[in-house]
Each structure stands twice: as C-alpha cells, then as structure tokens.
All heavy atoms as atom14 arrays in JSON, in Angstrom:
{
  "sequence": "NLSDGGEDAVTIREFDLPTKAFVKGGFSLPKGK",
  "atom14_mask": [
    [1, 1, 1, 1, 1, 1, 1, 1, 0, 0, 0, 0, 0, 0],
    [1, 1, 1, 1, 1, 1, 1, 1, 0, 0, 0, 0, 0, 0],
    [1, 1, 1, 1, 1, 1, 0, 0, 0, 0, 0, 0, 0, 0],
    [1, 1, 1, 1, 1, 1, 1, 1, 0, 0, 0, 0, 0, 0],
    [1, 1, 1, 1, 0, 0, 0, 0, 0, 0, 0, 0, 0, 0],
    [1, 1, 1, 1, 0, 0, 0, 0, 0, 0, 0, 0, 0, 0],
    [1, 1, 1, 1, 1, 1, 1, 1, 1, 0, 0, 0, 0, 0],
    [1, 1, 1, 1, 1, 1, 1, 1, 0, 0, 0, 0, 0, 0],
    [1, 1, 1, 1, 1, 0, 0, 0, 0, 0, 0, 0, 0, 0],
    [1, 1, 1, 1, 1, 1, 1, 0, 0, 0, 0, 0, 0, 0],
    [1, 1, 1, 1, 1, 1, 1, 0, 0, 0, 0, 0, 0, 0],
    [1, 1, 1, 1, 1, 1, 1, 1, 0, 0, 0, 0, 0, 0],
    [1, 1, 1, 1, 1, 1, 1, 1, 1, 1, 1, 0, 0, 0],
    [1, 1, 1, 1, 1, 1, 1, 1, 1, 0, 0, 0, 0, 0],
    [1, 1, 1, 1, 1, 1, 1, 1, 1, 1, 1, 0, 0, 0],
    [1, 1, 1, 1, 1, 1, 1, 1, 0, 0, 0, 0, 0, 0],
    [1, 1, 1, 1, 1, 1, 1, 1, 0, 0, 0, 0, 0, 0],
    [1, 1, 1, 1, 1, 1, 1, 0, 0, 0, 0, 0, 0, 0],
    [1, 1, 1, 1, 1, 1, 1, 0, 0, 0, 0, 0, 0, 0],
    [1, 1, 1, 1, 1, 1, 1, 1, 1, 0, 0, 0, 0, 0],
    [1, 1, 1, 1, 1, 0, 0, 0, 0, 0, 0, 0, 0, 0],
    [1, 1, 1, 1, 1, 1, 1, 1, 1, 1, 1, 0, 0, 0],
    [1, 1, 1, 1, 1, 1, 1, 0, 0, 0, 0, 0, 0, 0],
    [1, 1, 1, 1, 1, 1, 1, 1, 1, 0, 0, 0, 0, 0],
    [1, 1, 1, 1, 0, 0, 0, 0, 0, 0, 0, 0, 0, 0],
    [1, 1, 1, 1, 0, 0, 0, 0, 0, 0, 0, 0, 0, 0],
    [1, 1, 1, 1, 1, 1, 1, 1, 1, 1, 1, 0, 0, 0],
    [1, 1, 1, 1, 1, 1, 0, 0, 0, 0, 0, 0, 0, 0],
    [1, 1, 1, 1, 1, 1, 1, 1, 0, 0, 0, 0, 0, 0],
    [1, 1, 1, 1, 1, 1, 1, 0, 0, 0, 0, 0, 0, 0],
    [1, 1, 1, 1, 1, 1, 1, 1, 1, 0, 0, 0, 0, 0],
    [1, 1, 1, 1, 0, 0, 0, 0, 0, 0, 0, 0, 0, 0],
    [1, 1, 1, 1, 1, 1, 1, 1, 1, 0, 0, 0, 0, 0]
  ],
  "atom14_positions": [
    [[7.95, 17.47, 4.03], [7.64, 17.27, 5.44], [6.14, 17.4, 5.65], [5.54, 18.46, 5.34], [8.35, 18.32, 6.32], [9.86, 18.11, 6.34], [10.4, 17.52, 7.24], [10.55, 18.59, 5.31], [0.0, 0.0, 0.0], [0.0, 0.0, 0.0], [0.0, 0.0, 0.0], [0.0, 0.0, 0.0], [0.0, 0.0, 0.0], [0.0, 0.0, 0.0]],
    [[5.52, 16.36, 6.15], [4.06, 16.32, 6.35], [3.77, 16.05, 7.83], [4.35, 15.14, 8.44], [3.42, 15.2, 5.5], [3.64, 15.36, 3.98], [3.15, 14.1, 3.26], [2.9, 16.59, 3.45], [0.0, 0.0, 0.0], [0.0, 0.0, 0.0], [0.0, 0.0, 0.0], [0.0, 0.0, 0.0], [0.0, 0.0, 0.0], [0.0, 0.0, 0.0]],
    [[2.84, 16.82, 8.38], [2.48, 16.71, 9.8], [1.07, 16.18, 9.94], [0.18, 16.51, 9.13], [2.63, 18.08, 10.46], [1.94, 18.1, 11.69], [0.0, 0.0, 0.0], [0.0, 0.0, 0.0], [0.0, 0.0, 0.0], [0.0, 0.0, 0.0], [0.0, 0.0, 0.0], [0.0, 0.0, 0.0], [0.0, 0.0, 0.0], [0.0, 0.0, 0.0]],
    [[0.85, 15.4, 10.95], [-0.47, 14.9, 11.29], [-1.17, 15.97, 12.13], [-0.91, 16.12, 13.32], [-0.37, 13.58, 12.05], [-1.71, 13.07, 12.53], [-2.77, 13.61, 12.1], [-1.76, 12.12, 13.32], [0.0, 0.0, 0.0], [0.0, 0.0, 0.0], [0.0, 0.0, 0.0], [0.0, 0.0, 0.0], [0.0, 0.0, 0.0], [0.0, 0.0, 0.0]],
    [[-2.04, 16.77, 11.49], [-2.86, 17.72, 12.22], [-2.12, 18.97, 12.69], [-2.68, 19.74, 13.45], [0.0, 0.0, 0.0], [0.0, 0.0, 0.0], [0.0, 0.0, 0.0], [0.0, 0.0, 0.0], [0.0, 0.0, 0.0], [0.0, 0.0, 0.0], [0.0, 0.0, 0.0], [0.0, 0.0, 0.0], [0.0, 0.0, 0.0], [0.0, 0.0, 0.0]],
    [[-0.86, 19.13, 12.29], [-0.14, 20.34, 12.67], [0.92, 20.13, 13.72], [1.57, 21.1, 14.15], [0.0, 0.0, 0.0], [0.0, 0.0, 0.0], [0.0, 0.0, 0.0], [0.0, 0.0, 0.0], [0.0, 0.0, 0.0], [0.0, 0.0, 0.0], [0.0, 0.0, 0.0], [0.0, 0.0, 0.0], [0.0, 0.0, 0.0], [0.0, 0.0, 0.0]],
    [[1.15, 18.89, 14.14], [2.2, 18.64, 15.14], [3.6, 19.01, 14.6], [3.82, 19.1, 13.4], [2.22, 17.13, 15.48], [0.98, 16.63, 16.15], [1.01, 15.11, 16.36], [1.7, 14.42, 15.58], [0.33, 14.64, 17.28], [0.0, 0.0, 0.0], [0.0, 0.0, 0.0], [0.0, 0.0, 0.0], [0.0, 0.0, 0.0], [0.0, 0.0, 0.0]],
    [[4.53, 19.2, 15.53], [5.92, 19.39, 15.13], [6.52, 18.11, 14.57], [7.4, 18.12, 13.71], [6.77, 19.86, 16.3], [6.55, 21.34, 16.62], [5.84, 22.01, 15.85], [7.09, 21.82, 17.62], [0.0, 0.0, 0.0], [0.0, 0.0, 0.0], [0.0, 0.0, 0.0], [0.0, 0.0, 0.0], [0.0, 0.0, 0.0], [0.0, 0.0, 0.0]],
    [[6.04, 16.97, 15.06], [6.5, 15.68, 14.53], [6.05, 15.57, 13.06], [4.91, 15.93, 12.73], [5.93, 14.54, 15.34], [0.0, 0.0, 0.0], [0.0, 0.0, 0.0], [0.0, 0.0, 0.0], [0.0, 0.0, 0.0], [0.0, 0.0, 0.0], [0.0, 0.0, 0.0], [0.0, 0.0, 0.0], [0.0, 0.0, 0.0], [0.0, 0.0, 0.0]],
    [[6.94, 15.08, 12.2], [6.63, 15.01, 10.77], [7.0, 13.65, 10.2], [7.86, 12.94, 10.71], [7.39, 16.11, 9.98], [6.89, 17.49, 10.35], [8.89, 16.01, 10.16], [0.0, 0.0, 0.0], [0.0, 0.0, 0.0], [0.0, 0.0, 0.0], [0.0, 0.0, 0.0], [0.0, 0.0, 0.0], [0.0, 0.0, 0.0], [0.0, 0.0, 0.0]],
    [[6.34, 13.35, 9.08], [6.72, 12.25, 8.19], [7.49, 12.91, 7.04], [7.03, 13.92, 6.48], [5.49, 11.51, 7.67], [4.81, 10.94, 8.79], [5.88, 10.41, 6.7], [0.0, 0.0, 0.0], [0.0, 0.0, 0.0], [0.0, 0.0, 0.0], [0.0, 0.0, 0.0], [0.0, 0.0, 0.0], [0.0, 0.0, 0.0], [0.0, 0.0, 0.0]],
    [[8.62, 12.31, 6.64], [9.44, 12.88, 5.56], [9.48, 11.91, 4.41], [9.83, 10.73, 4.56], [10.88, 13.18, 6.05], [10.84, 14.13, 7.25], [11.73, 13.74, 4.93], [12.2, 14.41, 7.87], [0.0, 0.0, 0.0], [0.0, 0.0, 0.0], [0.0, 0.0, 0.0], [0.0, 0.0, 0.0], [0.0, 0.0, 0.0], [0.0, 0.0, 0.0]],
    [[9.14, 12.41, 3.2], [9.08, 11.56, 2.0], [9.74, 12.26, 0.83], [9.59, 13.47, 0.66], [7.63, 11.18, 1.67], [6.98, 10.32, 2.73], [5.47, 10.4, 2.72], [4.88, 9.87, 1.5], [3.56, 9.8, 1.31], [2.72, 10.22, 2.25], [3.07, 9.34, 0.17], [0.0, 0.0, 0.0], [0.0, 0.0, 0.0], [0.0, 0.0, 0.0]],
    [[10.44, 11.47, 0.0], [11.13, 12.03, -1.15], [10.2, 12.25, -2.32], [9.36, 11.37, -2.64], [12.27, 11.08, -1.57], [13.15, 11.67, -2.66], [14.28, 10.75, -3.07], [14.31, 9.57, -2.61], [15.14, 11.2, -3.85], [0.0, 0.0, 0.0], [0.0, 0.0, 0.0], [0.0, 0.0, 0.0], [0.0, 0.0, 0.0], [0.0, 0.0, 0.0]],
    [[10.34, 13.4, -2.95], [9.43, 13.82, -4.04], [10.25, 14.21, -5.24], [11.31, 14.87, -5.12], [8.58, 15.01, -3.54], [7.46, 15.41, -4.46], [6.25, 14.76, -4.38], [7.62, 16.42, -5.39], [5.18, 15.13, -5.22], [6.58, 16.8, -6.22], [5.37, 16.15, -6.13], [0.0, 0.0, 0.0], [0.0, 0.0, 0.0], [0.0, 0.0, 0.0]],
    [[9.77, 13.84, -6.44], [10.46, 14.14, -7.69], [9.74, 15.3, -8.39], [8.55, 15.17, -8.72], [10.48, 12.91, -8.58], [11.26, 13.15, -9.86], [12.5, 13.25, -9.81], [10.63, 13.26, -10.94], [0.0, 0.0, 0.0], [0.0, 0.0, 0.0], [0.0, 0.0, 0.0], [0.0, 0.0, 0.0], [0.0, 0.0, 0.0], [0.0, 0.0, 0.0]],
    [[10.42, 16.42, -8.6], [9.77, 17.58, -9.2], [9.41, 17.4, -10.65], [8.34, 17.81, -11.09], [10.66, 18.81, -9.01], [10.8, 19.34, -7.56], [11.72, 20.56, -7.53], [9.44, 19.67, -6.97], [0.0, 0.0, 0.0], [0.0, 0.0, 0.0], [0.0, 0.0, 0.0], [0.0, 0.0, 0.0], [0.0, 0.0, 0.0], [0.0, 0.0, 0.0]],
    [[10.3, 16.83, -11.51], [9.93, 16.69, -12.94], [8.67, 15.86, -13.13], [7.82, 16.19, -13.97], [11.14, 15.98, -13.56], [12.29, 16.42, -12.69], [11.7, 16.44, -11.31], [0.0, 0.0, 0.0], [0.0, 0.0, 0.0], [0.0, 0.0, 0.0], [0.0, 0.0, 0.0], [0.0, 0.0, 0.0], [0.0, 0.0, 0.0], [0.0, 0.0, 0.0]],
    [[8.5, 14.76, -12.37], [7.31, 13.93, -12.55], [6.16, 14.3, -11.62], [5.07, 13.73, -11.73], [7.68, 12.44, -12.3], [8.14, 12.29, -10.95], [8.77, 11.99, -13.28], [0.0, 0.0, 0.0], [0.0, 0.0, 0.0], [0.0, 0.0, 0.0], [0.0, 0.0, 0.0], [0.0, 0.0, 0.0], [0.0, 0.0, 0.0], [0.0, 0.0, 0.0]],
    [[6.43, 15.2, -10.66], [5.42, 15.64, -9.7], [4.83, 14.45, -8.91], [3.61, 14.33, -8.76], [4.32, 16.45, -10.39], [4.82, 17.69, -11.11], [3.7, 18.56, -11.63], [2.95, 17.9, -12.76], [1.96, 18.83, -13.37], [0.0, 0.0, 0.0], [0.0, 0.0, 0.0], [0.0, 0.0, 0.0], [0.0, 0.0, 0.0], [0.0, 0.0, 0.0]],
    [[5.71, 13.58, -8.45], [5.26, 12.38, -7.76], [6.27, 11.98, -6.67], [7.46, 12.29, -6.8], [5.08, 11.23, -8.74], [0.0, 0.0, 0.0], [0.0, 0.0, 0.0], [0.0, 0.0, 0.0], [0.0, 0.0, 0.0], [0.0, 0.0, 0.0], [0.0, 0.0, 0.0], [0.0, 0.0, 0.0], [0.0, 0.0, 0.0], [0.0, 0.0, 0.0]],
    [[5.77, 11.3, -5.64], [6.67, 10.74, -4.66], [7.51, 9.64, -5.3], [7.01, 8.9, -6.17], [5.9, 10.22, -3.45], [5.32, 11.31, -2.58], [3.99, 11.62, -2.65], [6.15, 12.0, -1.69], [3.45, 12.62, -1.85], [5.62, 13.0, -0.91], [4.27, 13.32, -0.99], [0.0, 0.0, 0.0], [0.0, 0.0, 0.0], [0.0, 0.0, 0.0]],
    [[8.75, 9.54, -4.9], [9.69, 8.6, -5.52], [9.42, 7.19, -4.98], [9.5, 6.94, -3.77], [11.14, 9.02, -5.23], [12.11, 8.0, -5.82], [11.42, 10.42, -5.75], [0.0, 0.0, 0.0], [0.0, 0.0, 0.0], [0.0, 0.0, 0.0], [0.0, 0.0, 0.0], [0.0, 0.0, 0.0], [0.0, 0.0, 0.0], [0.0, 0.0, 0.0]],
    [[9.12, 6.27, -5.9], [8.9, 4.88, -5.49], [10.23, 4.3, -5.01], [11.23, 4.35, -5.72], [8.37, 4.06, -6.66], [6.96, 4.44, -7.08], [6.45, 3.56, -8.21], [5.01, 3.95, -8.6], [4.52, 3.1, -9.72], [0.0, 0.0, 0.0], [0.0, 0.0, 0.0], [0.0, 0.0, 0.0], [0.0, 0.0, 0.0], [0.0, 0.0, 0.0]],
    [[10.21, 3.8, -3.77], [11.43, 3.26, -3.21], [12.41, 4.32, -2.77], [13.55, 4.01, -2.43], [0.0, 0.0, 0.0], [0.0, 0.0, 0.0], [0.0, 0.0, 0.0], [0.0, 0.0, 0.0], [0.0, 0.0, 0.0], [0.0, 0.0, 0.0], [0.0, 0.0, 0.0], [0.0, 0.0, 0.0], [0.0, 0.0, 0.0], [0.0, 0.0, 0.0]],
    [[11.97, 5.57, -2.78], [12.85, 6.67, -2.37], [12.92, 6.8, -0.86], [12.42, 5.96, -0.1], [0.0, 0.0, 0.0], [0.0, 0.0, 0.0], [0.0, 0.0, 0.0], [0.0, 0.0, 0.0], [0.0, 0.0, 0.0], [0.0, 0.0, 0.0], [0.0, 0.0, 0.0], [0.0, 0.0, 0.0], [0.0, 0.0, 0.0], [0.0, 0.0, 0.0]],
    [[13.58, 7.86, -0.41], [13.71, 8.07, 1.02], [12.35, 8.28, 1.63], [11.48, 9.03, 1.13], [14.58, 9.31, 1.29], [16.03, 9.13, 0.93], [16.6, 9.85, -0.1], [16.82, 8.25, 1.66], [17.93, 9.72, -0.41], [18.16, 8.08, 1.36], [18.72, 8.81, 0.32], [0.0, 0.0, 0.0], [0.0, 0.0, 0.0], [0.0, 0.0, 0.0]],
    [[12.13, 7.61, 2.76], [10.83, 7.72, 3.47], [11.1, 7.5, 4.94], [11.53, 6.42, 5.35], [9.83, 6.69, 2.96], [8.58, 6.84, 3.63], [0.0, 0.0, 0.0], [0.0, 0.0, 0.0], [0.0, 0.0, 0.0], [0.0, 0.0, 0.0], [0.0, 0.0, 0.0], [0.0, 0.0, 0.0], [0.0, 0.0, 0.0], [0.0, 0.0, 0.0]],
    [[10.86, 8.54, 5.75], [11.15, 8.49, 7.19], [9.81, 8.55, 7.94], [9.09, 9.56, 7.8], [12.05, 9.64, 7.61], [13.37, 9.78, 6.84], [14.15, 10.98, 7.37], [14.2, 8.51, 6.92], [0.0, 0.0, 0.0], [0.0, 0.0, 0.0], [0.0, 0.0, 0.0], [0.0, 0.0, 0.0], [0.0, 0.0, 0.0], [0.0, 0.0, 0.0]],
    [[9.46, 7.55, 8.69], [8.18, 7.59, 9.41], [8.13, 8.7, 10.44], [9.15, 9.26, 10.84], [8.11, 6.2, 10.05], [9.5, 5.67, 10.08], [10.19, 6.32, 8.92], [0.0, 0.0, 0.0], [0.0, 0.0, 0.0], [0.0, 0.0, 0.0], [0.0, 0.0, 0.0], [0.0, 0.0, 0.0], [0.0, 0.0, 0.0], [0.0, 0.0, 0.0]],
    [[6.93, 8.96, 10.9], [6.64, 10.1, 11.78], [7.56, 10.17, 12.99], [7.84, 9.16, 13.65], [5.18, 10.0, 12.25], [4.79, 11.06, 13.24], [3.33, 10.85, 13.67], [2.93, 11.8, 14.8], [1.51, 11.58, 15.21], [0.0, 0.0, 0.0], [0.0, 0.0, 0.0], [0.0, 0.0, 0.0], [0.0, 0.0, 0.0], [0.0, 0.0, 0.0]],
    [[8.01, 11.38, 13.29], [8.8, 11.64, 14.47], [9.26, 13.08, 14.5], [9.2, 13.78, 13.51], [0.0, 0.0, 0.0], [0.0, 0.0, 0.0], [0.0, 0.0, 0.0], [0.0, 0.0, 0.0], [0.0, 0.0, 0.0], [0.0, 0.0, 0.0], [0.0, 0.0, 0.0], [0.0, 0.0, 0.0], [0.0, 0.0, 0.0], [0.0, 0.0, 0.0]],
    [[9.72, 13.53, 15.67], [10.42, 14.81, 15.75], [11.82, 14.57, 15.21], [12.68, 14.06, 15.93], [10.43, 15.33, 17.19], [9.16, 15.97, 17.63], [9.34, 16.72, 18.93], [8.11, 17.48, 19.33], [8.27, 18.23, 20.58], [0.0, 0.0, 0.0], [0.0, 0.0, 0.0], [0.0, 0.0, 0.0], [0.0, 0.0, 0.0], [0.0, 0.0, 0.0]]
  ]
}
C-alpha cells in the first residue's frame, strides 16, 4: 500500500518477496480509499 504524500487513499500493487520486485502483470489497484 503506497500513499501519495500521506493520504489515506492508497495505490495497491502486488510484490514478490523472493525476487524483491513488483509482479509484472500482477494485481495493481489505482489510487483510492
């Protein structure tokens, strides 16, 4: 969950722990509460 400047609204992106990278084509939800 990533926020623009600290807002409650967030962007949500899927991350892979073994590769330490965001998942290409993975879950990605644009900014919103």
